[in-house]
């Protein structure tokens, strides 16, 4: 049986267009999140070498293209911060963010500041953002108490 009967170039083109429709909203969200991260890093002036390393890690993790990267780095303020109203989705975004930040097994003050500002931008109140970040740092750095460890295992 010939495969090209079922997979013609036209059909492949249509299938790819349909797939693009499903991937677009997620990628647009990734672009928005990446722009927010760049904006946070640039708040205190130009992006330094250390911040750029973190930004590059986010770009890779969020599948940001080279063209998108260049535009966002140059015009980050034109991208609105995406507020997420669902608390579970906010936590998932922060979880993914912490996985990226802790990819080198450490977090510095600058990264903590950026994550805090991002959490507030996502819609967490300041005190809730600080508490979540403090607990997340403990969890990701392995500094959790036995009772918290036990709670997580039993959940």
Protein backbone atom coordinates (compact mmCIF):
# COMPACT_ATOMS: atom_id res chain seq x y z
CA UNK A 1 0.00 0.00 0.00
CA UNK A 2 1.32 3.45 -0.88
CA UNK A 3 1.57 5.88 2.03
CA UNK A 4 1.48 8.98 -0.19
CA UNK A 5 -2.15 8.20 -1.02
CA UNK A 6 -3.04 8.91 2.58
CA UNK A 7 -0.42 11.58 3.30
CA UNK A 8 -0.43 13.96 0.34
CA UNK A 9 1.43 17.30 0.61
CA UNK A 10 -1.92 19.10 0.69
CA UNK A 11 -3.18 16.93 3.53
CA UNK A 12 0.06 17.39 5.45
CA UNK A 13 -0.26 21.16 4.97
CA UNK A 14 -3.82 21.14 6.28
CA UNK A 15 -2.84 18.94 9.23
CA UNK A 16 0.03 21.28 10.14
CA UNK A 17 -2.31 24.31 9.92
CA UNK A 18 -4.74 22.61 12.28
CA UNK A 19 -1.91 21.75 14.69
CA UNK A 20 -0.70 25.35 14.55
CA UNK A 21 -4.16 26.49 15.72
CA UNK A 22 -3.88 24.33 18.84
CA UNK A 23 -0.32 25.38 19.64
CA UNK A 24 -0.79 29.12 19.08
CA UNK A 25 -2.57 30.08 22.32
CA UNK A 26 -0.01 28.23 24.42
CA UNK A 27 2.87 29.79 22.51
CA UNK A 28 1.28 33.24 22.82
CA UNK A 29 1.10 32.69 26.58
CA UNK A 30 4.75 31.61 26.57
CA UNK A 31 5.66 34.81 24.73
CA UNK A 32 3.71 36.86 27.28
CA UNK A 33 5.38 35.09 30.19
CA UNK A 34 8.81 35.48 28.62
CA UNK A 35 8.23 39.20 27.99
CA UNK A 36 7.20 39.62 31.63
CA UNK A 37 10.39 37.91 32.78
CA UNK A 38 12.47 40.19 30.54
CA UNK A 39 10.56 43.22 31.76
CA UNK A 40 11.18 42.24 35.38
CA UNK A 41 14.89 41.73 34.71
CA UNK A 42 15.14 45.13 33.01
CA UNK A 43 13.26 47.08 35.70
CA UNK A 44 16.44 48.20 37.43
CA UNK A 45 18.12 49.26 34.18
CA UNK A 46 19.86 47.22 31.53
CA UNK A 47 19.91 43.44 31.67
CA UNK A 48 23.26 42.28 33.06
CA UNK A 49 25.15 39.11 32.16
CA UNK A 50 23.75 37.09 35.06
CA UNK A 51 20.17 38.11 34.27
CA UNK A 52 20.74 37.31 30.62
CA UNK A 53 21.69 33.73 31.53
CA UNK A 54 18.39 33.33 33.38
CA UNK A 55 16.52 34.95 30.49
CA UNK A 56 18.18 32.59 28.02
CA UNK A 57 17.12 29.61 30.13
CA UNK A 58 13.54 30.87 30.09
CA UNK A 59 13.69 31.48 26.33
CA UNK A 60 14.76 27.91 25.76
CA UNK A 61 12.22 26.44 28.17
CA UNK A 62 9.37 28.48 26.68
CA UNK A 63 10.33 27.73 23.05
CA UNK A 64 10.94 31.36 22.15
CA UNK A 65 12.31 31.74 18.62
CA UNK A 66 15.37 33.86 17.84
CA UNK A 67 13.17 36.49 16.16
CA UNK A 68 10.80 36.62 19.12
CA UNK A 69 13.75 36.79 21.51
CA UNK A 70 15.27 39.78 19.71
CA UNK A 71 11.96 41.64 19.54
CA UNK A 72 11.08 41.00 23.18
CA UNK A 73 14.55 41.99 24.39
CA UNK A 74 14.26 45.25 22.46
CA UNK A 75 10.55 46.00 23.07
CA UNK A 76 9.56 44.04 26.21
CA UNK A 77 7.30 46.80 27.50
CA UNK A 78 4.95 46.48 24.51
CA UNK A 79 3.88 43.03 25.73
CA UNK A 80 1.22 43.12 28.45
CA UNK A 81 1.67 41.05 31.60
CA UNK A 82 -0.74 38.15 31.57
CA UNK A 83 -2.80 38.04 34.77
CA UNK A 84 -3.99 34.55 35.58
CA UNK A 85 -7.22 34.35 37.56
CA UNK A 86 -7.15 30.64 38.34
CA UNK A 87 -5.01 30.06 41.46
CA UNK A 88 -4.11 26.51 40.40
CA UNK A 89 -2.81 27.81 37.04
CA UNK A 90 -0.83 30.55 38.83
CA UNK A 91 0.79 27.95 41.06
CA UNK A 92 1.58 25.78 38.06
CA UNK A 93 3.28 28.71 36.33
CA UNK A 94 5.32 29.44 39.46
CA UNK A 95 6.19 25.76 39.76
CA UNK A 96 7.48 25.74 36.18
CA UNK A 97 9.35 28.97 36.87
CA UNK A 98 11.03 27.45 39.94
CA UNK A 99 12.01 24.36 37.96
CA UNK A 100 13.78 26.63 35.49
CA UNK A 101 15.37 28.85 38.15
CA UNK A 102 16.60 25.82 40.09
CA UNK A 103 17.95 24.10 36.99
CA UNK A 104 21.41 25.13 38.26
CA UNK A 105 20.47 23.99 41.81
CA UNK A 106 20.57 27.49 43.28
CA UNK A 107 18.67 30.75 43.45
CA UNK A 108 20.14 34.17 44.08
CA UNK A 109 18.61 37.38 45.41
CA UNK A 110 18.07 38.78 41.93
CA UNK A 111 16.13 35.68 40.87
CA UNK A 112 14.08 35.79 44.07
CA UNK A 113 13.22 39.43 43.38
CA UNK A 114 12.24 38.60 39.79
CA UNK A 115 10.08 35.63 40.83
CA UNK A 116 8.36 37.74 43.50
CA UNK A 117 7.58 40.51 41.04
CA UNK A 118 6.35 37.94 38.53
CA UNK A 119 4.12 36.26 41.14
CA UNK A 120 2.58 39.62 42.00
CA UNK A 121 2.12 40.32 38.29
CA UNK A 122 0.31 36.99 37.92
CA UNK A 123 -2.20 38.19 40.49
CA UNK A 124 -0.98 36.97 43.89
CA UNK A 125 -1.24 39.51 46.73
CA UNK A 126 2.22 40.57 48.01
CA UNK A 127 2.01 38.63 51.30
CA UNK A 128 0.76 35.47 49.56
CA UNK A 129 3.49 35.78 46.89
CA UNK A 130 6.19 36.09 49.56
CA UNK A 131 4.88 33.04 51.46
CA UNK A 132 4.63 30.89 48.32
CA UNK A 133 8.11 31.90 47.20
CA UNK A 134 9.64 31.21 50.62
CA UNK A 135 8.05 27.74 50.77
CA UNK A 136 8.96 27.01 47.14
CA UNK A 137 12.59 27.91 47.77
CA UNK A 138 12.64 25.56 50.77
CA UNK A 139 11.10 22.76 48.72
CA UNK A 140 13.29 23.22 45.63
CA UNK A 141 16.47 23.63 47.62
CA UNK A 142 15.70 20.57 49.75
CA UNK A 143 15.36 22.54 52.99
CA UNK A 144 11.94 21.34 54.05
CA UNK A 145 11.10 20.17 57.52
CA UNK A 146 10.28 16.54 58.22
CA UNK A 147 6.65 17.42 58.95
CA UNK A 148 6.31 19.16 55.58
CA UNK A 149 8.08 16.25 53.88
CA UNK A 150 5.72 13.81 55.53
CA UNK A 151 2.71 15.94 54.58
CA UNK A 152 3.78 16.03 50.93
CA UNK A 153 4.25 12.28 50.83
CA UNK A 154 0.89 11.56 52.44
CA UNK A 155 -1.05 13.98 50.26
